[in-house]
Amino acid sequence: MLALLIATAPAAAFAAAAAAWSPDDIHVSRSIPGEPGSAGSHFEIAQNGDARITIERREASTHATGTIVLIAGRWMLTQGFAAAPGKELESLDLAVLNSQLVVVLLTAALPDGPPLPGSSQHVRFVEKTNPIRIVTATSASEYLAPWTVVGTVTVPAADAEATYQLSFTFSDQGLSRTVDFAGSVGNVRSPLDFPDSMKLAGWNIRRLPQSLESSLTAADPGSARHPGAPQPATLGKLRQLN
């Protein structure tokens, strides 16, 4: 998916099945039953590993939207987030973790890949022993066993993306927690591309931590920006920076 995305699947057999679910276009809407608010993201991955993530988050009375572009695993460009300044990395983490978790759950429920086009397929998978661990350069999450995923997955037509509705229940400090996911996964016919000629006016630029440890030293929202240097005018100029 991305060098930024690293997941430890809950069983060795999932590694072989992972190739069956390798989407480059992932829509996720995440909610918790009985709680207000939701987190939505659209994660698009280019052939060279660059990515664009469109984010919408609703929490109580706040509503945050924004766009994140990841370049070469080293740079994060952002627009929006006016309602939540300094929350770009937090929003990135949530979108990455949710997207990767959905892929892990789909791989567990349907290891052979998306169902044949047609009616909805009901899925259910129970893991009694192995947790799910997902790690990125900036965060880590663990979902303890026993965990269960139930729901439906549908491919409405040949070459169409797979839509899903999944309810994921896991153990958290001895308590049972449930998170609901809905959205779609697929492979776009026109791959995402960011040309070197892309203008960077209007984008905020910051360098991404390259490990979870280094991210802990970048807690200040402005600490990872490129201080004291003029902002590159184009994406090509940004790629040339060390």
C-alpha atoms as a PDB file:
ATOM      1  CA  MET A   1       0.000   0.000   0.000  1.00  0.00           C
ATOM      2  CA  LEU A   2       2.486   2.580   1.220  1.00  0.00           C
ATOM      3  CA  ALA A   3       5.811   2.445   2.990  1.00  0.00           C
ATOM      4  CA  LEU A   4       3.989   4.502   5.610  1.00  0.00           C
ATOM      5  CA  LEU A   5       1.462   1.695   6.112  1.00  0.00           C
ATOM      6  CA  ILE A   6       2.672  -1.402   7.934  1.00  0.00           C
ATOM      7  CA  ALA A   7       0.255  -3.969   9.318  1.00  0.00           C
ATOM      8  CA  THR A   8       0.883  -7.139  11.256  1.00  0.00           C
ATOM      9  CA  ALA A   9      -1.967  -9.440  10.304  1.00  0.00           C
ATOM     10  CA  PRO A  10      -3.469 -11.696  12.988  1.00  0.00           C
ATOM     11  CA  ALA A  11      -2.332 -14.934  11.395  1.00  0.00           C
ATOM     12  CA  ALA A  12       0.407 -16.068   9.016  1.00  0.00           C
ATOM     13  CA  ALA A  13      -2.160 -17.309   6.540  1.00  0.00           C
ATOM     14  CA  PHE A  14      -3.333 -13.726   6.047  1.00  0.00           C
ATOM     15  CA  ALA A  15      -0.031 -12.846   4.389  1.00  0.00           C
ATOM     16  CA  ALA A  16      -0.789 -15.186   1.514  1.00  0.00           C
ATOM     17  CA  ALA A  17      -4.346 -13.875   1.260  1.00  0.00           C
ATOM     18  CA  ALA A  18      -3.335 -10.210   1.384  1.00  0.00           C
ATOM     19  CA  ALA A  19      -2.704 -10.100  -2.359  1.00  0.00           C
ATOM     20  CA  ALA A  20      -6.390 -10.840  -2.882  1.00  0.00           C
ATOM     21  CA  TRP A  21      -7.243  -7.549  -1.183  1.00  0.00           C
ATOM     22  CA  SER A  22      -4.831  -4.888  -2.438  1.00  0.00           C
ATOM     23  CA  PRO A  23      -7.056  -1.889  -3.187  1.00  0.00           C
ATOM     24  CA  ASP A  24      -5.705   1.498  -4.163  1.00  0.00           C
ATOM     25  CA  ASP A  25      -8.998   3.321  -3.593  1.00  0.00           C
ATOM     26  CA  ILE A  26     -10.589   2.974  -0.146  1.00  0.00           C
ATOM     27  CA  HIS A  27     -13.663   4.721   1.230  1.00  0.00           C
ATOM     28  CA  VAL A  28     -14.233   4.321   4.984  1.00  0.00           C
ATOM     29  CA  SER A  29     -16.937   5.649   7.263  1.00  0.00           C
ATOM     30  CA  ARG A  30     -16.293   4.729  10.897  1.00  0.00           C
ATOM     31  CA  SER A  31     -18.767   5.067  13.762  1.00  0.00           C
ATOM     32  CA  ILE A  32     -19.300   3.650  17.235  1.00  0.00           C
ATOM     33  CA  PRO A  33     -22.799   2.383  18.077  1.00  0.00           C
ATOM     34  CA  GLY A  34     -24.523   4.615  20.607  1.00  0.00           C
ATOM     35  CA  GLU A  35     -21.993   7.437  20.302  1.00  0.00           C
ATOM     36  CA  PRO A  36     -22.322  10.650  18.278  1.00  0.00           C
ATOM     37  CA  GLY A  37     -19.773  11.507  15.666  1.00  0.00           C
ATOM     38  CA  SER A  38     -18.117   9.746  12.767  1.00  0.00           C
ATOM     39  CA  ALA A  39     -14.865   9.686  10.844  1.00  0.00           C
ATOM     40  CA  GLY A  40     -14.828   9.400   7.075  1.00  0.00           C
ATOM     41  CA  SER A  41     -11.936   9.139   4.664  1.00  0.00           C
ATOM     42  CA  HIS A  42     -11.227   8.503   0.996  1.00  0.00           C
ATOM     43  CA  PHE A  43      -7.751   7.028   0.568  1.00  0.00           C
ATOM     44  CA  GLU A  44      -6.317   6.971  -2.974  1.00  0.00           C
ATOM     45  CA  ILE A  45      -2.906   5.438  -3.657  1.00  0.00           C
ATOM     46  CA  ALA A  46      -0.784   6.172  -6.714  1.00  0.00           C
ATOM     47  CA  GLN A  47       1.374   3.572  -8.450  1.00  0.00           C
ATOM     48  CA  ASN A  48       4.542   5.192  -7.073  1.00  0.00           C
ATOM     49  CA  GLY A  49       3.238   5.103  -3.475  1.00  0.00           C
ATOM     50  CA  ASP A  50       2.115   8.733  -3.245  1.00  0.00           C
ATOM     51  CA  ALA A  51      -1.389   9.131  -1.854  1.00  0.00           C
ATOM     52  CA  ARG A  52      -4.284  11.523  -1.397  1.00  0.00           C
ATOM     53  CA  ILE A  53      -6.630  11.324   1.577  1.00  0.00           C
ATOM     54  CA  THR A  54      -9.827  13.333   1.835  1.00  0.00           C
ATOM     55  CA  ILE A  55     -11.054  13.517   5.411  1.00  0.00           C
ATOM     56  CA  GLU A  56     -14.285  14.456   7.167  1.00  0.00           C
ATOM     57  CA  ARG A  57     -14.657  14.175  10.932  1.00  0.00           C
ATOM     58  CA  ARG A  58     -17.661  14.985  13.092  1.00  0.00           C
ATOM     59  CA  GLU A  59     -17.257  15.065  16.874  1.00  0.00           C
ATOM     60  CA  ALA A  60     -20.012  16.591  18.990  1.00  0.00           C
ATOM     61  CA  SER A  61     -20.266  20.181  17.758  1.00  0.00           C
ATOM     62  CA  THR A  62     -17.084  20.157  15.656  1.00  0.00           C
ATOM     63  CA  HIS A  63     -16.831  19.387  11.980  1.00  0.00           C
ATOM     64  CA  ALA A  64     -13.389  19.116  10.358  1.00  0.00           C
ATOM     65  CA  THR A  65     -12.641  18.547   6.691  1.00  0.00           C
ATOM     66  CA  GLY A  66      -9.394  18.570   4.804  1.00  0.00           C
ATOM     67  CA  THR A  67      -7.179  16.997   2.189  1.00  0.00           C
ATOM     68  CA  ILE A  68      -3.807  15.350   2.790  1.00  0.00           C
ATOM     69  CA  VAL A  69      -1.326  14.443   0.070  1.00  0.00           C
ATOM     70  CA  LEU A  70       1.602  12.170   0.917  1.00  0.00           C
ATOM     71  CA  ILE A  71       4.680  12.465  -1.274  1.00  0.00           C
ATOM     72  CA  ALA A  72       7.541   9.943  -1.364  1.00  0.00           C
ATOM     73  CA  GLY A  73       6.753   8.832   2.195  1.00  0.00           C
ATOM     74  CA  ARG A  74       8.521  11.997   3.419  1.00  0.00           C
ATOM     75  CA  TRP A  75       6.238  14.972   2.849  1.00  0.00           C
ATOM     76  CA  MET A  76       2.692  15.771   3.870  1.00  0.00           C
ATOM     77  CA  LEU A  77       0.742  18.491   2.053  1.00  0.00           C
ATOM     78  CA  THR A  78      -2.479  19.673   3.645  1.00  0.00           C
ATOM     79  CA  GLN A  79      -5.401  21.918   2.813  1.00  0.00           C
ATOM     80  CA  GLY A  80      -8.422  22.635   4.973  1.00  0.00           C
ATOM     81  CA  PHE A  81      -8.615  21.582   8.619  1.00  0.00           C
ATOM     82  CA  ALA A  82      -9.652  25.150   9.487  1.00  0.00           C
ATOM     83  CA  ALA A  83     -11.905  23.846  12.264  1.00  0.00           C
ATOM     84  CA  ALA A  84      -9.089  21.800  13.792  1.00  0.00           C
ATOM     85  CA  PRO A  85      -5.697  23.467  13.293  1.00  0.00           C
ATOM     86  CA  GLY A  86      -2.786  21.242  14.234  1.00  0.00           C
ATOM     87  CA  LYS A  87      -4.877  18.089  13.837  1.00  0.00           C
ATOM     88  CA  GLU A  88      -3.471  17.062  10.477  1.00  0.00           C
ATOM     89  CA  LEU A  89      -1.270  14.234  11.782  1.00  0.00           C
ATOM     90  CA  GLU A  90      -4.048  12.980  14.036  1.00  0.00           C
ATOM     91  CA  SER A  91      -6.424  12.915  11.064  1.00  0.00           C
ATOM     92  CA  LEU A  92      -3.808  11.162   8.942  1.00  0.00           C
ATOM     93  CA  ASP A  93      -3.284   8.495  11.602  1.00  0.00           C
ATOM     94  CA  LEU A  94      -7.000   7.843  11.925  1.00  0.00           C
ATOM     95  CA  ALA A  95      -7.516   7.557   8.177  1.00  0.00           C
ATOM     96  CA  VAL A  96      -4.521   5.250   7.714  1.00  0.00           C
ATOM     97  CA  LEU A  97      -5.443   3.012  10.639  1.00  0.00           C
ATOM     98  CA  ASN A  98      -9.108   2.770   9.636  1.00  0.00           C
ATOM     99  CA  SER A  99      -8.253   1.998   6.013  1.00  0.00           C
ATOM    100  CA  GLN A 100      -5.710  -0.649   6.938  1.00  0.00           C
ATOM    101  CA  LEU A 101      -8.006  -2.210   9.534  1.00  0.00           C
ATOM    102  CA  VAL A 102     -10.798  -2.525   6.975  1.00  0.00           C
ATOM    103  CA  VAL A 103      -8.426  -4.328   4.598  1.00  0.00           C
ATOM    104  CA  VAL A 104      -7.321  -6.695   7.385  1.00  0.00           C
ATOM    105  CA  LEU A 105     -10.956  -7.450   8.282  1.00  0.00           C
ATOM    106  CA  LEU A 106     -11.931  -8.063   4.656  1.00  0.00           C
ATOM    107  CA  THR A 107      -8.921 -10.350   4.250  1.00  0.00           C
ATOM    108  CA  ALA A 108      -9.977 -12.312   7.335  1.00  0.00           C
ATOM    109  CA  ALA A 109     -13.607 -12.607   6.256  1.00  0.00           C
ATOM    110  CA  LEU A 110     -12.949 -13.315   2.565  1.00  0.00           C
ATOM    111  CA  PRO A 111      -9.373 -14.612   2.135  1.00  0.00           C
ATOM    112  CA  ASP A 112      -9.982 -15.436  -1.537  1.00  0.00           C
ATOM    113  CA  GLY A 113     -10.801 -11.831  -2.335  1.00  0.00           C
ATOM    114  CA  PRO A 114     -14.008 -10.016  -3.288  1.00  0.00           C
ATOM    115  CA  PRO A 115     -17.096 -12.123  -3.941  1.00  0.00           C
ATOM    116  CA  LEU A 116     -18.459 -12.716  -7.410  1.00  0.00           C
ATOM    117  CA  PRO A 117     -20.687  -9.945  -8.812  1.00  0.00           C
ATOM    118  CA  GLY A 118     -24.257 -10.266  -7.674  1.00  0.00           C
ATOM    119  CA  SER A 119     -26.155 -10.246  -4.423  1.00  0.00           C
ATOM    120  CA  SER A 120     -24.642  -9.306  -1.069  1.00  0.00           C
ATOM    121  CA  GLN A 121     -22.510 -11.935   0.620  1.00  0.00           C
ATOM    122  CA  HIS A 122     -22.863 -12.254   4.373  1.00  0.00           C
ATOM    123  CA  VAL A 123     -19.565 -12.688   6.181  1.00  0.00           C
ATOM    124  CA  ARG A 124     -18.556 -13.752   9.657  1.00  0.00           C
ATOM    125  CA  PHE A 125     -15.097 -14.459  11.056  1.00  0.00           C
ATOM    126  CA  VAL A 126     -14.053 -15.166  14.644  1.00  0.00           C
ATOM    127  CA  GLU A 127     -10.468 -15.024  15.921  1.00  0.00           C
ATOM    128  CA  LYS A 128      -9.999 -16.404  19.431  1.00  0.00           C
ATOM    129  CA  THR A 129      -6.251 -16.045  19.919  1.00  0.00           C
ATOM    130  CA  ASN A 130      -4.356 -13.596  17.729  1.00  0.00           C
ATOM    131  CA  PRO A 131      -4.687  -9.815  18.008  1.00  0.00           C
ATOM    132  CA  ILE A 132      -4.570  -7.319  15.167  1.00  0.00           C
ATOM    133  CA  ARG A 133      -1.640  -4.912  15.359  1.00  0.00           C
ATOM    134  CA  ILE A 134      -1.307  -1.971  12.996  1.00  0.00           C
ATOM    135  CA  VAL A 135       1.713   0.318  13.054  1.00  0.00           C
ATOM    136  CA  THR A 136       2.501   3.439  11.041  1.00  0.00           C
ATOM    137  CA  ALA A 137       5.374   5.893  11.315  1.00  0.00           C
ATOM    138  CA  THR A 138       3.289   8.047  13.646  1.00  0.00           C
ATOM    139  CA  SER A 139       1.001   5.737  15.640  1.00  0.00           C
ATOM    140  CA  ALA A 140       0.197   2.182  16.639  1.00  0.00           C
ATOM    141  CA  SER A 141      -3.028   0.370  17.489  1.00  0.00           C
ATOM    142  CA  GLU A 142      -3.790  -3.087  18.846  1.00  0.00           C
ATOM    143  CA  TYR A 143      -7.132  -4.914  18.840  1.00  0.00           C
ATOM    144  CA  LEU A 144      -7.065  -7.861  21.201  1.00  0.00           C
ATOM    145  CA  ALA A 145      -8.640 -11.288  20.753  1.00  0.00           C
ATOM    146  CA  PRO A 146     -11.190 -12.580  20.879  1.00  0.00           C
ATOM    147  CA  TRP A 147     -12.452 -10.475  18.016  1.00  0.00           C
ATOM    148  CA  THR A 148     -15.227 -10.916  15.487  1.00  0.00           C
ATOM    149  CA  VAL A 149     -16.191  -9.298  12.221  1.00  0.00           C
ATOM    150  CA  VAL A 150     -19.672  -9.709  10.734  1.00  0.00           C
ATOM    151  CA  GLY A 151     -21.419  -7.936   7.895  1.00  0.00           C
ATOM    152  CA  THR A 152     -21.972  -7.931   4.146  1.00  0.00           C
ATOM    153  CA  VAL A 153     -19.759  -7.430   1.123  1.00  0.00           C
ATOM    154  CA  THR A 154     -21.144  -6.754  -2.353  1.00  0.00           C
ATOM    155  CA  VAL A 155     -19.668  -6.431  -5.825  1.00  0.00           C
ATOM    156  CA  PRO A 156     -22.613  -5.065  -7.817  1.00  0.00           C
ATOM    157  CA  ALA A 157     -21.145  -5.686 -11.284  1.00  0.00           C
ATOM    158  CA  ALA A 158     -18.048  -6.991 -13.031  1.00  0.00           C
ATOM    159  CA  ASP A 159     -15.033  -4.719 -12.465  1.00  0.00           C
ATOM    160  CA  ALA A 160     -16.985  -2.688  -9.883  1.00  0.00           C
ATOM    161  CA  GLU A 161     -15.591  -1.817  -6.489  1.00  0.00           C
ATOM    162  CA  ALA A 162     -16.631  -3.919  -3.499  1.00  0.00           C
ATOM    163  CA  THR A 163     -18.951  -2.210  -1.032  1.00  0.00           C
ATOM    164  CA  TYR A 164     -19.008  -3.347   2.579  1.00  0.00           C
ATOM    165  CA  GLN A 165     -20.777  -2.952   5.892  1.00  0.00           C
ATOM    166  CA  LEU A 166     -18.814  -4.468   8.758  1.00  0.00           C
ATOM    167  CA  SER A 167     -19.284  -4.619  12.505  1.00  0.00           C
ATOM    168  CA  PHE A 168     -16.022  -5.280  14.328  1.00  0.00           C
ATOM    169  CA  THR A 169     -16.060  -6.390  17.974  1.00  0.00           C
ATOM    170  CA  PHE A 170     -12.829  -6.805  19.941  1.00  0.00           C
ATOM    171  CA  SER A 171     -11.563  -7.058  23.506  1.00  0.00           C
ATOM    172  CA  ASP A 172     -10.304  -3.912  25.229  1.00  0.00           C
ATOM    173  CA  GLN A 173      -9.027  -4.339  28.794  1.00  0.00           C
ATOM    174  CA  GLY A 174     -11.504  -7.118  29.396  1.00  0.00           C
ATOM    175  CA  LEU A 175     -14.425  -5.219  27.879  1.00  0.00           C
ATOM    176  CA  SER A 176     -16.090  -5.839  24.534  1.00  0.00           C
ATOM    177  CA  ARG A 177     -15.919  -2.900  22.105  1.00  0.00           C
ATOM    178  CA  THR A 178     -17.684  -2.554  18.761  1.00  0.00           C
ATOM    179  CA  VAL A 179     -16.865  -0.321  15.809  1.00  0.00           C
ATOM    180  CA  ASP A 180     -18.905  -0.142  12.607  1.00  0.00           C
ATOM    181  CA  PHE A 181     -17.388   0.417   9.181  1.00  0.00           C
ATOM    182  CA  ALA A 182     -19.049   1.107   5.834  1.00  0.00           C
ATOM    183  CA  GLY A 183     -17.644   2.062   2.486  1.00  0.00           C
ATOM    184  CA  SER A 184     -16.000   0.595  -0.580  1.00  0.00           C
ATOM    185  CA  VAL A 185     -12.649  -0.726  -1.787  1.00  0.00           C
ATOM    186  CA  GLY A 186     -11.426  -1.121  -5.327  1.00  0.00           C
ATOM    187  CA  ASN A 187      -8.789  -0.434  -7.922  1.00  0.00           C
ATOM    188  CA  VAL A 188      -9.276   2.703  -9.955  1.00  0.00           C
ATOM    189  CA  ARG A 189      -8.979   2.505 -13.714  1.00  0.00           C
ATOM    190  CA  SER A 190      -7.226   5.877 -13.939  1.00  0.00           C
ATOM    191  CA  PRO A 191      -4.423   5.712 -11.356  1.00  0.00           C
ATOM    192  CA  LEU A 192      -3.763   8.745  -9.196  1.00  0.00           C
ATOM    193  CA  ASP A 193      -0.828  10.840 -10.380  1.00  0.00           C
ATOM    194  CA  PHE A 194       0.896  13.939  -9.006  1.00  0.00           C
ATOM    195  CA  PRO A 195       3.062  15.509 -11.724  1.00  0.00           C
ATOM    196  CA  ASP A 196       6.204  17.460 -10.875  1.00  0.00           C
ATOM    197  CA  SER A 197       4.509  20.518 -12.396  1.00  0.00           C
ATOM    198  CA  MET A 198       1.826  20.541  -9.657  1.00  0.00           C
ATOM    199  CA  LYS A 199       1.717  23.997  -8.009  1.00  0.00           C
ATOM    200  CA  LEU A 200       2.088  24.059  -4.238  1.00  0.00           C
ATOM    201  CA  ALA A 201       0.555  27.481  -3.608  1.00  0.00           C
ATOM    202  CA  GLY A 202      -2.158  27.119  -0.958  1.00  0.00           C
ATOM    203  CA  TRP A 203      -0.752  23.896   0.475  1.00  0.00           C
ATOM    204  CA  ASN A 204       0.838  23.581   3.923  1.00  0.00           C
ATOM    205  CA  ILE A 205       3.969  21.433   3.851  1.00  0.00           C
ATOM    206  CA  ARG A 206       5.573  19.420   6.607  1.00  0.00           C
ATOM    207  CA  ARG A 207       8.077  16.597   6.772  1.00  0.00           C
ATOM    208  CA  LEU A 208       6.714  13.276   7.980  1.00  0.00           C
ATOM    209  CA  PRO A 209       8.389  11.349  10.816  1.00  0.00           C
ATOM    210  CA  GLN A 210      10.142   8.277   9.448  1.00  0.00           C
ATOM    211  CA  SER A 211       9.494   6.086  12.473  1.00  0.00           C
ATOM    212  CA  LEU A 212       7.152   5.854  15.417  1.00  0.00           C
ATOM    213  CA  GLU A 213      10.012   6.864  17.704  1.00  0.00           C
ATOM    214  CA  SER A 214      10.843   9.987  15.710  1.00  0.00           C
ATOM    215  CA  SER A 215       7.193  11.020  15.672  1.00  0.00           C
ATOM    216  CA  LEU A 216       7.269  11.332  19.461  1.00  0.00           C
ATOM    217  CA  THR A 217       9.688  14.250  19.108  1.00  0.00           C
ATOM    218  CA  ALA A 218       7.340  16.003  16.688  1.00  0.00           C
ATOM    219  CA  ALA A 219       4.366  16.481  18.983  1.00  0.00           C
ATOM    220  CA  ASP A 220       4.292  20.215  18.264  1.00  0.00           C
ATOM    221  CA  PRO A 221       2.097  20.630  15.153  1.00  0.00           C
ATOM    222  CA  GLY A 222       4.609  23.043  13.657  1.00  0.00           C
ATOM    223  CA  SER A 223       7.781  21.237  14.614  1.00  0.00           C
ATOM    224  CA  ALA A 224       8.012  19.145  11.461  1.00  0.00           C
ATOM    225  CA  ARG A 225       7.513  22.000   9.020  1.00  0.00           C
ATOM    226  CA  HIS A 226      10.457  23.083   6.946  1.00  0.00           C
ATOM    227  CA  PRO A 227      11.551  26.233   8.820  1.00  0.00           C
ATOM    228  CA  GLY A 228      13.657  29.032   7.425  1.00  0.00           C
ATOM    229  CA  ALA A 229      13.343  27.973   3.788  1.00  0.00           C
ATOM    230  CA  PRO A 230      11.055  29.261   1.056  1.00  0.00           C
ATOM    231  CA  GLN A 231       8.213  26.954   0.146  1.00  0.00           C
ATOM    232  CA  PRO A 232       8.937  25.084  -3.093  1.00  0.00           C
ATOM    233  CA  ALA A 233       6.808  26.377  -5.958  1.00  0.00           C
ATOM    234  CA  THR A 234       6.163  22.967  -7.491  1.00  0.00           C
ATOM    235  CA  LEU A 235       5.998  19.353  -6.472  1.00  0.00           C
ATOM    236  CA  GLY A 236       9.113  18.619  -8.494  1.00  0.00           C
ATOM    237  CA  LYS A 237      11.086  21.107  -6.405  1.00  0.00           C
ATOM    238  CA  LEU A 238       9.749  19.515  -3.208  1.00  0.00           C
ATOM    239  CA  ARG A 239      10.867  16.065  -4.337  1.00  0.00           C
ATOM    240  CA  GLN A 240      14.404  17.406  -4.706  1.00  0.00           C
ATOM    241  CA  LEU A 241      14.642  18.450  -1.045  1.00  0.00           C
ATOM    242  CA  ASN A 242      16.552  16.202   1.337  1.00  0.00           C
END
